[in-house]
Amino acid sequence: MITCIHSRAILSVLILMVQISAVIFCGCAPRYDGPEFFDGSVRFSIRVPEARKVTIAGSFNMWDSEKDALSGPDEHGTWMIILPLAKGRHEYLYLIDSEKWMTDPEAPSVDDGTGGNNSVLVLR
């Protein structure tokens, strides 16, 4: 019987193999879309190749749309930032070219109470 921990380990190895295969066989780098957690920080990334500027605003930075600018785009059109975040529930949105608010397509979203949605992540 395969335990939950073994299943996760197997799944992680399979995902890594697919990413390596993508680099070897199609010459493209793996995409890093959506939040990734590591060492008390979160890597936020989003693929918006046509953007000239991408920032992130959320409960973790008092919804300051100018404070945290993502770097990019890389050769695949992906923008990225690494932020140290405390444990807890965080809502956020991306601001594209200082005009268009966008939820994270790789994260769950919740009603913001004003007819829109915010992306949400929970760090435990």
N, C-alpha and C. Protein backbone atom coordinates (compact mmCIF):
# COMPACT_ATOMS: atom_id res chain seq x y z
N MET A 1 0.83 -1.18 0.00
CA MET A 1 0.00 0.00 0.00
C MET A 1 0.88 1.25 0.00
N ILE A 2 0.60 2.18 -0.88
CA ILE A 2 1.38 3.40 -0.99
C ILE A 2 0.79 4.44 -0.04
N THR A 3 1.63 5.00 0.83
CA THR A 3 1.15 6.01 1.77
C THR A 3 1.06 7.35 1.07
N CYS A 4 0.42 8.29 1.75
CA CYS A 4 0.26 9.64 1.20
C CYS A 4 1.63 10.29 0.97
N ILE A 5 2.57 10.08 1.89
CA ILE A 5 3.90 10.68 1.74
C ILE A 5 4.61 10.09 0.53
N HIS A 6 4.50 8.78 0.36
CA HIS A 6 5.12 8.15 -0.81
C HIS A 6 4.48 8.64 -2.10
N SER A 7 3.17 8.79 -2.09
CA SER A 7 2.47 9.28 -3.29
C SER A 7 2.95 10.68 -3.66
N ARG A 8 3.13 11.54 -2.66
CA ARG A 8 3.61 12.90 -2.92
C ARG A 8 5.04 12.86 -3.47
N ALA A 9 5.86 12.01 -2.91
CA ALA A 9 7.25 11.90 -3.38
C ALA A 9 7.28 11.43 -4.84
N ILE A 10 6.48 10.44 -5.15
CA ILE A 10 6.41 9.93 -6.52
C ILE A 10 5.92 11.01 -7.46
N LEU A 11 4.88 11.74 -7.04
CA LEU A 11 4.34 12.82 -7.87
C LEU A 11 5.39 13.90 -8.09
N SER A 12 6.15 14.26 -7.05
CA SER A 12 7.19 15.28 -7.18
C SER A 12 8.25 14.85 -8.18
N VAL A 13 8.65 13.59 -8.13
CA VAL A 13 9.65 13.07 -9.06
C VAL A 13 9.12 13.10 -10.49
N LEU A 14 7.87 12.72 -10.67
CA LEU A 14 7.27 12.74 -12.01
C LEU A 14 7.20 14.15 -12.57
N ILE A 15 6.82 15.11 -11.74
CA ILE A 15 6.75 16.50 -12.19
C ILE A 15 8.14 16.99 -12.60
N LEU A 16 9.14 16.68 -11.78
CA LEU A 16 10.51 17.07 -12.11
C LEU A 16 10.96 16.45 -13.43
N MET A 17 10.61 15.18 -13.64
CA MET A 17 10.99 14.51 -14.89
C MET A 17 10.34 15.17 -16.10
N VAL A 18 9.09 15.58 -15.96
CA VAL A 18 8.40 16.26 -17.07
C VAL A 18 9.08 17.60 -17.36
N GLN A 19 9.45 18.34 -16.30
CA GLN A 19 10.11 19.62 -16.50
C GLN A 19 11.47 19.45 -17.18
N ILE A 20 12.22 18.47 -16.74
CA ILE A 20 13.52 18.20 -17.36
C ILE A 20 13.34 17.78 -18.81
N SER A 21 12.35 16.94 -19.07
CA SER A 21 12.07 16.52 -20.44
C SER A 21 11.72 17.70 -21.33
N ALA A 22 10.99 18.66 -20.79
CA ALA A 22 10.61 19.84 -21.57
C ALA A 22 11.85 20.61 -21.99
N VAL A 23 12.81 20.73 -21.09
CA VAL A 23 14.04 21.44 -21.42
C VAL A 23 14.86 20.67 -22.44
N ILE A 24 14.99 19.36 -22.26
CA ILE A 24 15.82 18.54 -23.14
C ILE A 24 15.20 18.39 -24.53
N PHE A 25 13.92 18.05 -24.60
CA PHE A 25 13.32 17.68 -25.86
C PHE A 25 12.73 18.84 -26.65
N CYS A 26 12.27 19.88 -25.99
CA CYS A 26 11.70 20.97 -26.79
C CYS A 26 12.51 22.25 -26.66
N GLY A 27 13.58 22.22 -25.85
CA GLY A 27 14.43 23.39 -25.73
C GLY A 27 13.80 24.53 -24.96
N CYS A 28 12.70 24.25 -24.27
CA CYS A 28 12.05 25.32 -23.52
C CYS A 28 12.22 25.07 -22.03
N ALA A 29 12.25 26.15 -21.28
CA ALA A 29 12.39 26.04 -19.83
C ALA A 29 11.03 25.77 -19.21
N PRO A 30 11.00 25.13 -18.04
CA PRO A 30 9.73 24.92 -17.37
C PRO A 30 9.12 26.25 -16.95
N ARG A 31 7.81 26.32 -16.93
CA ARG A 31 7.11 27.53 -16.52
C ARG A 31 6.93 27.50 -15.02
N TYR A 32 7.04 28.65 -14.39
CA TYR A 32 6.80 28.78 -12.96
C TYR A 32 5.62 29.72 -12.77
N ASP A 33 4.45 29.21 -12.96
CA ASP A 33 3.25 30.02 -12.81
C ASP A 33 2.58 29.70 -11.48
N GLY A 34 2.07 30.72 -10.86
CA GLY A 34 1.39 30.53 -9.59
C GLY A 34 2.37 30.59 -8.43
N PRO A 35 1.85 30.74 -7.22
CA PRO A 35 2.73 30.87 -6.05
C PRO A 35 3.42 29.55 -5.71
N GLU A 36 4.71 29.66 -5.35
CA GLU A 36 5.49 28.51 -4.88
C GLU A 36 6.09 28.88 -3.54
N PHE A 37 5.98 27.99 -2.56
CA PHE A 37 6.40 28.24 -1.20
C PHE A 37 7.75 27.61 -0.92
N PHE A 38 8.66 28.36 -0.26
CA PHE A 38 9.93 27.79 0.16
C PHE A 38 10.60 28.70 1.18
N ASP A 39 11.14 28.12 2.22
CA ASP A 39 11.95 28.81 3.23
C ASP A 39 11.33 30.12 3.73
N GLY A 40 10.06 30.15 4.05
CA GLY A 40 9.42 31.35 4.57
C GLY A 40 9.13 32.41 3.54
N SER A 41 9.33 32.08 2.28
CA SER A 41 9.05 33.04 1.20
C SER A 41 8.11 32.42 0.18
N VAL A 42 7.56 33.26 -0.64
CA VAL A 42 6.68 32.81 -1.71
C VAL A 42 7.18 33.43 -3.01
N ARG A 43 7.31 32.57 -4.03
CA ARG A 43 7.64 33.07 -5.37
C ARG A 43 6.32 33.20 -6.11
N PHE A 44 5.98 34.44 -6.47
CA PHE A 44 4.82 34.71 -7.28
C PHE A 44 5.29 34.86 -8.71
N SER A 45 4.60 34.23 -9.63
CA SER A 45 4.96 34.40 -11.04
C SER A 45 3.70 34.29 -11.89
N ILE A 46 3.76 35.02 -12.98
CA ILE A 46 2.61 35.03 -13.89
C ILE A 46 3.13 35.26 -15.30
N ARG A 47 2.51 34.60 -16.24
CA ARG A 47 2.91 34.74 -17.64
C ARG A 47 2.03 35.78 -18.31
N VAL A 48 2.63 36.94 -18.60
CA VAL A 48 1.95 38.04 -19.28
C VAL A 48 2.98 38.66 -20.24
N PRO A 49 3.25 37.98 -21.37
CA PRO A 49 4.34 38.43 -22.24
C PRO A 49 4.14 39.82 -22.83
N GLU A 50 2.91 40.25 -22.97
CA GLU A 50 2.65 41.55 -23.59
C GLU A 50 2.78 42.72 -22.61
N ALA A 51 2.93 42.45 -21.31
CA ALA A 51 2.98 43.50 -20.30
C ALA A 51 4.30 44.27 -20.34
N ARG A 52 4.21 45.54 -19.98
CA ARG A 52 5.40 46.39 -19.84
C ARG A 52 5.81 46.51 -18.38
N LYS A 53 4.84 46.30 -17.47
CA LYS A 53 5.09 46.40 -16.03
C LYS A 53 4.06 45.54 -15.31
N VAL A 54 4.51 44.80 -14.29
CA VAL A 54 3.60 43.99 -13.47
C VAL A 54 3.97 44.22 -12.01
N THR A 55 2.97 44.54 -11.20
CA THR A 55 3.15 44.65 -9.76
C THR A 55 2.17 43.73 -9.07
N ILE A 56 2.39 43.51 -7.77
CA ILE A 56 1.48 42.69 -6.99
C ILE A 56 1.05 43.51 -5.77
N ALA A 57 -0.23 43.48 -5.49
CA ALA A 57 -0.77 44.17 -4.33
C ALA A 57 -1.63 43.18 -3.56
N GLY A 58 -1.56 43.27 -2.25
CA GLY A 58 -2.36 42.34 -1.46
C GLY A 58 -2.40 42.71 0.00
N SER A 59 -3.03 41.84 0.75
CA SER A 59 -3.15 42.06 2.19
C SER A 59 -1.78 42.11 2.87
N PHE A 60 -0.77 41.51 2.27
CA PHE A 60 0.58 41.46 2.84
C PHE A 60 1.36 42.75 2.64
N ASN A 61 0.93 43.64 1.74
CA ASN A 61 1.61 44.92 1.55
C ASN A 61 0.64 46.11 1.59
N MET A 62 -0.45 45.90 2.34
CA MET A 62 -1.46 46.96 2.52
C MET A 62 -2.07 47.42 1.19
N TRP A 63 -2.13 46.51 0.21
CA TRP A 63 -2.70 46.75 -1.12
C TRP A 63 -2.00 47.91 -1.83
N ASP A 64 -0.71 48.05 -1.59
CA ASP A 64 0.10 49.08 -2.25
C ASP A 64 0.49 48.58 -3.64
N SER A 65 -0.11 49.14 -4.67
CA SER A 65 0.10 48.65 -6.03
C SER A 65 1.44 49.06 -6.64
N GLU A 66 2.23 49.86 -5.94
CA GLU A 66 3.54 50.28 -6.47
C GLU A 66 4.70 49.68 -5.68
N LYS A 67 4.44 49.10 -4.53
CA LYS A 67 5.52 48.64 -3.65
C LYS A 67 6.30 47.45 -4.21
N ASP A 68 5.62 46.45 -4.75
CA ASP A 68 6.27 45.20 -5.14
C ASP A 68 6.14 44.95 -6.63
N ALA A 69 7.17 45.38 -7.37
CA ALA A 69 7.20 45.18 -8.82
C ALA A 69 7.85 43.84 -9.13
N LEU A 70 7.28 43.11 -10.05
CA LEU A 70 7.85 41.84 -10.49
C LEU A 70 8.94 42.10 -11.51
N SER A 71 9.95 41.25 -11.53
CA SER A 71 10.99 41.36 -12.56
C SER A 71 10.56 40.57 -13.79
N GLY A 72 11.01 41.01 -14.93
CA GLY A 72 10.65 40.31 -16.15
C GLY A 72 10.34 41.28 -17.25
N PRO A 73 9.84 40.74 -18.31
CA PRO A 73 9.55 39.32 -18.51
C PRO A 73 10.81 38.55 -18.91
N ASP A 74 10.81 37.24 -18.62
CA ASP A 74 11.90 36.41 -19.11
C ASP A 74 11.61 36.03 -20.56
N GLU A 75 12.41 35.16 -21.12
CA GLU A 75 12.24 34.79 -22.53
C GLU A 75 10.93 34.09 -22.84
N HIS A 76 10.21 33.67 -21.78
CA HIS A 76 8.92 33.01 -21.97
C HIS A 76 7.74 33.91 -21.61
N GLY A 77 8.04 35.17 -21.28
CA GLY A 77 6.98 36.11 -20.95
C GLY A 77 6.53 36.04 -19.50
N THR A 78 7.32 35.40 -18.64
CA THR A 78 6.95 35.24 -17.24
C THR A 78 7.60 36.32 -16.38
N TRP A 79 6.80 36.88 -15.50
CA TRP A 79 7.22 37.88 -14.53
C TRP A 79 7.29 37.20 -13.17
N MET A 80 8.22 37.64 -12.27
CA MET A 80 8.40 36.96 -11.00
C MET A 80 8.87 37.89 -9.89
N ILE A 81 8.46 37.55 -8.66
CA ILE A 81 8.96 38.23 -7.46
C ILE A 81 8.95 37.21 -6.33
N ILE A 82 9.92 37.33 -5.42
CA ILE A 82 9.96 36.50 -4.22
C ILE A 82 9.75 37.42 -3.03
N LEU A 83 8.73 37.09 -2.22
CA LEU A 83 8.40 37.90 -1.06
C LEU A 83 8.40 37.05 0.20
N PRO A 84 8.98 37.55 1.29
CA PRO A 84 8.84 36.85 2.56
C PRO A 84 7.43 37.11 3.10
N LEU A 85 6.72 36.04 3.43
CA LEU A 85 5.36 36.20 3.93
C LEU A 85 5.19 35.44 5.23
N ALA A 86 4.44 36.03 6.14
CA ALA A 86 4.11 35.38 7.41
C ALA A 86 3.06 34.30 7.17
N LYS A 87 2.98 33.37 8.08
CA LYS A 87 1.94 32.36 7.99
C LYS A 87 0.59 33.03 8.10
N GLY A 88 -0.39 32.44 7.46
CA GLY A 88 -1.74 32.98 7.50
C GLY A 88 -2.36 33.04 6.12
N ARG A 89 -3.49 33.72 6.04
CA ARG A 89 -4.26 33.85 4.80
C ARG A 89 -3.93 35.17 4.14
N HIS A 90 -3.63 35.13 2.85
CA HIS A 90 -3.26 36.32 2.11
C HIS A 90 -4.10 36.41 0.83
N GLU A 91 -4.66 37.59 0.58
CA GLU A 91 -5.35 37.85 -0.68
C GLU A 91 -4.49 38.81 -1.49
N TYR A 92 -4.55 38.65 -2.82
CA TYR A 92 -3.71 39.48 -3.67
C TYR A 92 -4.26 39.55 -5.09
N LEU A 93 -3.75 40.53 -5.84
CA LEU A 93 -4.03 40.70 -7.27
C LEU A 93 -2.77 41.20 -7.94
N TYR A 94 -2.66 40.93 -9.22
CA TYR A 94 -1.60 41.52 -10.04
C TYR A 94 -2.17 42.76 -10.71
N LEU A 95 -1.31 43.77 -10.90
CA LEU A 95 -1.69 44.97 -11.64
C LEU A 95 -0.80 45.03 -12.88
N ILE A 96 -1.43 44.94 -14.03
CA ILE A 96 -0.72 44.89 -15.30
C ILE A 96 -0.70 46.30 -15.91
N ASP A 97 0.50 46.81 -16.18
CA ASP A 97 0.70 48.12 -16.82
C ASP A 97 -0.05 49.24 -16.12
N SER A 98 -0.16 49.16 -14.80
CA SER A 98 -0.83 50.18 -13.97
C SER A 98 -2.29 50.41 -14.34
N GLU A 99 -2.90 49.45 -15.07
CA GLU A 99 -4.27 49.64 -15.55
C GLU A 99 -5.20 48.48 -15.25
N LYS A 100 -4.74 47.26 -15.45
CA LYS A 100 -5.63 46.11 -15.41
C LYS A 100 -5.33 45.22 -14.20
N TRP A 101 -6.31 45.07 -13.31
CA TRP A 101 -6.18 44.16 -12.18
C TRP A 101 -6.47 42.75 -12.66
N MET A 102 -5.69 41.80 -12.18
CA MET A 102 -5.80 40.43 -12.66
C MET A 102 -5.61 39.44 -11.51
N THR A 103 -6.51 38.46 -11.40
CA THR A 103 -6.30 37.39 -10.44
C THR A 103 -5.22 36.46 -10.97
N ASP A 104 -4.66 35.70 -10.07
CA ASP A 104 -3.66 34.70 -10.44
C ASP A 104 -4.39 33.51 -11.03
N PRO A 105 -4.17 33.19 -12.31
CA PRO A 105 -4.89 32.08 -12.93
C PRO A 105 -4.52 30.72 -12.35
N GLU A 106 -3.44 30.65 -11.57
CA GLU A 106 -2.99 29.38 -11.00
C GLU A 106 -3.30 29.27 -9.51
N ALA A 107 -4.10 30.18 -8.97
CA ALA A 107 -4.44 30.16 -7.54
C ALA A 107 -5.95 30.26 -7.38
N PRO A 108 -6.46 29.76 -6.27
CA PRO A 108 -7.90 29.91 -6.02
C PRO A 108 -8.24 31.40 -5.83
N SER A 109 -9.49 31.73 -6.05
CA SER A 109 -9.91 33.11 -5.83
C SER A 109 -11.15 33.13 -4.95
N VAL A 110 -11.35 34.29 -4.31
CA VAL A 110 -12.49 34.50 -3.43
C VAL A 110 -13.17 35.81 -3.79
N ASP A 111 -14.43 35.91 -3.46
CA ASP A 111 -15.19 37.14 -3.66
C ASP A 111 -14.58 38.24 -2.80
N ASP A 112 -14.35 39.41 -3.40
CA ASP A 112 -13.74 40.50 -2.64
C ASP A 112 -14.77 41.38 -1.92
N GLY A 113 -16.05 41.07 -2.08
CA GLY A 113 -17.09 41.83 -1.42
C GLY A 113 -17.56 43.04 -2.19
N THR A 114 -16.95 43.31 -3.35
CA THR A 114 -17.35 44.47 -4.15
C THR A 114 -17.68 44.09 -5.59
N GLY A 115 -17.93 42.80 -5.80
CA GLY A 115 -18.28 42.32 -7.13
C GLY A 115 -17.10 41.77 -7.92
N GLY A 116 -15.92 41.77 -7.35
CA GLY A 116 -14.74 41.22 -8.01
C GLY A 116 -14.21 40.02 -7.24
N ASN A 117 -13.04 39.57 -7.63
CA ASN A 117 -12.40 38.44 -6.98
C ASN A 117 -10.95 38.78 -6.67
N ASN A 118 -10.44 38.20 -5.60
CA ASN A 118 -9.03 38.26 -5.24
C ASN A 118 -8.46 36.85 -5.25
N SER A 119 -7.21 36.72 -5.64
CA SER A 119 -6.52 35.45 -5.48
C SER A 119 -6.25 35.27 -4.00
N VAL A 120 -6.19 34.02 -3.57
CA VAL A 120 -5.96 33.76 -2.15
C VAL A 120 -4.96 32.62 -1.99
N LEU A 121 -4.10 32.75 -0.96
CA LEU A 121 -3.23 31.64 -0.60
C LEU A 121 -3.16 31.60 0.92
N VAL A 122 -2.96 30.40 1.44
CA VAL A 122 -2.88 30.20 2.88
C VAL A 122 -1.55 29.52 3.19
N LEU A 123 -0.76 30.16 4.04
CA LEU A 123 0.51 29.59 4.47
C LEU A 123 0.35 29.05 5.88
N ARG A 124 0.66 27.78 6.05
CA ARG A 124 0.52 27.14 7.36
C ARG A 124 1.85 26.87 7.99
